[in-house]
Amino acid sequence: MIIRLLASVSRRLNRLSGALAMLLIAYLLCHILLEIVLRLFGTSTYVLDEFVGYAIATTTFLGLGYSLERNGLIKVNILSDRLPERHHWLLEFVISFVSFALFSWILYYWYINVARSFKRSITSESIAETPLWIPEGMVLLGLSLLCLTLFARMLVLVSTRQIPNIETNK
């Protein structure tokens, strides 16, 4: 019951983050087109590189959990092809556990970085003077969702002894 609830919450949050990532891609297109038009008239927004960089980083990290949940990440089956099918879930569990441990470690240190940027009011050196905790916080959110997705995946793997697929995630 609790595992299904956690998996459901994870799925919904990943759908939301996936939608936000898609909106950011649309923003990227619009900002780049605006910059092209403005440069035809000899002016600029002067923040294209900065904001596009933030949006790409945010899109990348917000999309990780969404992609993992839908088996959209690149996967090399060199080991799983050699194991009996009944043990595939165990290999997936080990991979998810190691990934969870590594990304939790990254998440911890990234949180320290975001907190430091917030506490010290660090801003970008561009004309926009963007508070850096905002784009860093979006990466933190994406890392958090990825860790939640990996944790829910591990629980589902242990409880069902099957690899979750897209059809059962609905």
Protein backbone atom coordinates (compact mmCIF):
# COMPACT_ATOMS: atom_id res chain seq x y z
CA MET A 1 0.00 0.00 0.00
CA ILE A 2 2.68 2.51 1.04
CA ILE A 3 4.94 1.40 -1.81
CA ARG A 4 2.16 1.93 -4.35
CA LEU A 5 1.42 5.36 -2.87
CA LEU A 6 5.09 6.37 -3.03
CA ALA A 7 5.38 5.08 -6.60
CA SER A 8 2.21 6.98 -7.55
CA VAL A 9 3.49 10.22 -6.00
CA SER A 10 6.80 9.73 -7.79
CA ARG A 11 5.02 9.19 -11.13
CA ARG A 12 2.89 12.30 -10.72
CA LEU A 13 5.85 14.46 -9.73
CA ASN A 14 7.81 13.11 -12.70
CA ARG A 15 4.94 13.94 -15.05
CA LEU A 16 4.87 17.46 -13.63
CA SER A 17 8.64 17.85 -13.96
CA GLY A 18 8.49 16.42 -17.49
CA ALA A 19 5.84 18.99 -18.41
CA LEU A 20 7.95 21.77 -16.91
CA ALA A 21 10.96 20.54 -18.89
CA MET A 22 8.85 20.63 -22.08
CA LEU A 23 7.77 24.19 -21.31
CA LEU A 24 11.39 25.16 -20.80
CA ILE A 25 12.22 23.77 -24.24
CA ALA A 26 9.49 26.01 -25.69
CA TYR A 27 10.97 28.93 -23.71
CA LEU A 28 14.40 28.16 -25.20
CA LEU A 29 12.98 28.31 -28.71
CA CYS A 30 11.17 31.59 -28.04
CA HIS A 31 14.16 33.26 -26.40
CA ILE A 32 16.50 32.23 -29.21
CA LEU A 33 14.04 33.46 -31.87
CA LEU A 34 13.59 36.74 -29.98
CA GLU A 35 17.35 37.17 -29.84
CA ILE A 36 17.66 36.56 -33.59
CA VAL A 37 14.99 39.17 -34.35
CA LEU A 38 16.49 41.70 -31.92
CA ARG A 39 19.95 41.27 -33.41
CA LEU A 40 18.52 42.04 -36.85
CA PHE A 41 17.71 45.46 -35.38
CA GLY A 42 21.08 45.88 -33.70
CA THR A 43 20.04 45.13 -30.12
CA SER A 44 19.89 42.16 -27.77
CA THR A 45 18.44 40.82 -24.55
CA TYR A 46 22.06 40.52 -23.32
CA VAL A 47 21.18 37.45 -21.24
CA LEU A 48 20.62 34.77 -23.87
CA ASP A 49 23.69 32.67 -23.01
CA GLU A 50 23.01 32.83 -19.29
CA PHE A 51 19.30 32.06 -19.34
CA VAL A 52 19.58 29.38 -22.02
CA GLY A 53 22.31 27.72 -19.94
CA TYR A 54 20.09 27.76 -16.87
CA ALA A 55 17.14 26.38 -18.85
CA ILE A 56 19.21 23.58 -20.38
CA ALA A 57 20.56 22.52 -16.98
CA THR A 58 17.07 22.64 -15.48
CA THR A 59 15.56 20.70 -18.38
CA THR A 60 18.26 18.05 -18.15
CA PHE A 61 17.84 17.41 -14.44
CA LEU A 62 14.05 17.72 -14.35
CA GLY A 63 13.84 15.19 -17.16
CA LEU A 64 16.01 12.52 -15.49
CA GLY A 65 13.32 11.00 -13.26
CA TYR A 66 10.76 11.20 -16.05
CA SER A 67 13.13 9.42 -18.45
CA LEU A 68 14.10 6.77 -15.91
CA GLU A 69 10.48 5.98 -15.17
CA ARG A 70 9.76 5.49 -18.86
CA ASN A 71 12.92 3.46 -19.53
CA GLY A 72 14.18 6.28 -21.73
CA LEU A 73 17.73 6.33 -20.42
CA ILE A 74 20.50 4.53 -22.28
CA LYS A 75 20.99 1.07 -20.87
CA VAL A 76 23.66 -1.50 -21.69
CA ASN A 77 22.37 -5.05 -21.26
CA ILE A 78 25.74 -6.79 -21.22
CA LEU A 79 25.09 -8.37 -17.80
CA SER A 80 21.35 -8.85 -17.96
CA ASP A 81 21.65 -10.75 -21.25
CA ARG A 82 23.80 -13.32 -19.48
CA LEU A 83 21.54 -13.74 -16.44
CA PRO A 84 18.42 -15.87 -16.27
CA GLU A 85 15.33 -13.71 -16.64
CA ARG A 86 14.16 -14.45 -13.10
CA HIS A 87 17.26 -12.62 -11.77
CA HIS A 88 16.91 -9.48 -13.89
CA TRP A 89 15.03 -7.70 -11.12
CA LEU A 90 17.95 -8.28 -8.74
CA LEU A 91 20.44 -6.72 -11.15
CA GLU A 92 18.05 -3.78 -11.62
CA PHE A 93 17.85 -3.43 -7.85
CA VAL A 94 21.64 -3.34 -7.49
CA ILE A 95 21.93 -0.79 -10.30
CA SER A 96 19.15 1.33 -8.78
CA PHE A 97 20.73 1.11 -5.32
CA VAL A 98 24.17 2.18 -6.55
CA SER A 99 22.60 4.98 -8.60
CA PHE A 100 20.52 6.07 -5.61
CA ALA A 101 23.60 6.12 -3.37
CA LEU A 102 25.66 8.14 -5.86
CA PHE A 103 22.91 10.62 -6.70
CA SER A 104 22.06 11.05 -3.00
CA TRP A 105 25.69 11.94 -2.39
CA ILE A 106 25.59 14.46 -5.25
CA LEU A 107 22.26 15.76 -3.95
CA TYR A 108 23.72 16.33 -0.48
CA TYR A 109 26.67 18.36 -1.75
CA TRP A 110 24.54 20.21 -4.27
CA TYR A 111 22.17 21.18 -1.44
CA ILE A 112 25.14 22.62 0.47
CA ASN A 113 26.06 24.63 -2.62
CA VAL A 114 22.51 25.96 -3.08
CA ALA A 115 22.23 26.85 0.62
CA ARG A 116 25.56 28.70 0.44
CA SER A 117 24.45 30.63 -2.65
CA PHE A 118 21.20 31.56 -0.92
CA LYS A 119 22.82 32.53 2.39
CA ARG A 120 25.50 34.66 0.74
CA SER A 121 23.11 36.14 -1.85
CA ILE A 122 25.45 35.15 -4.68
CA THR A 123 24.37 36.47 -8.05
CA SER A 124 25.59 35.92 -11.59
CA GLU A 125 28.14 38.32 -13.00
CA SER A 126 25.94 39.23 -15.95
CA ILE A 127 23.77 42.28 -16.45
CA ALA A 128 20.80 40.31 -15.06
CA GLU A 129 22.53 39.58 -11.72
CA THR A 130 20.44 36.43 -11.35
CA PRO A 131 20.44 35.01 -7.81
CA LEU A 132 22.29 31.75 -8.41
CA TRP A 133 20.24 29.79 -5.90
CA ILE A 134 17.30 29.88 -8.33
CA PRO A 135 18.86 27.90 -11.22
CA GLU A 136 20.88 25.83 -8.75
CA GLY A 137 17.64 25.11 -6.87
CA MET A 138 15.99 23.83 -10.02
CA VAL A 139 18.87 21.39 -10.52
CA LEU A 140 18.46 20.41 -6.85
CA LEU A 141 14.77 19.77 -7.48
CA GLY A 142 15.59 17.54 -10.45
CA LEU A 143 18.17 15.60 -8.41
CA SER A 144 15.64 15.19 -5.60
CA LEU A 145 13.02 13.82 -7.99
CA LEU A 146 15.56 11.43 -9.47
CA CYS A 147 16.46 10.14 -5.99
CA LEU A 148 12.78 9.74 -5.13
CA THR A 149 12.22 7.85 -8.38
CA LEU A 150 15.18 5.56 -7.72
CA PHE A 151 14.01 4.92 -4.15
CA ALA A 152 10.47 4.10 -5.29
CA ARG A 153 11.91 1.88 -8.04
CA MET A 154 13.97 -0.05 -5.47
CA LEU A 155 10.91 -0.61 -3.29
CA VAL A 156 8.83 -1.80 -6.25
CA LEU A 157 11.62 -4.13 -7.37
CA VAL A 158 11.91 -5.71 -3.91
CA SER A 159 8.17 -6.02 -3.37
CA THR A 160 7.23 -7.39 -6.80
CA ARG A 161 10.50 -9.03 -7.89
CA GLN A 162 9.77 -7.72 -11.38
CA ILE A 163 11.19 -4.88 -13.38
CA PRO A 164 8.63 -2.07 -13.55
CA ASN A 165 7.60 -1.21 -17.08
CA ILE A 166 5.69 1.67 -18.61
CA GLU A 167 2.39 -0.20 -18.79
CA THR A 168 2.32 -1.01 -15.06
CA ASN A 169 3.26 2.56 -14.16
CA LYS A 170 -0.10 3.95 -15.25
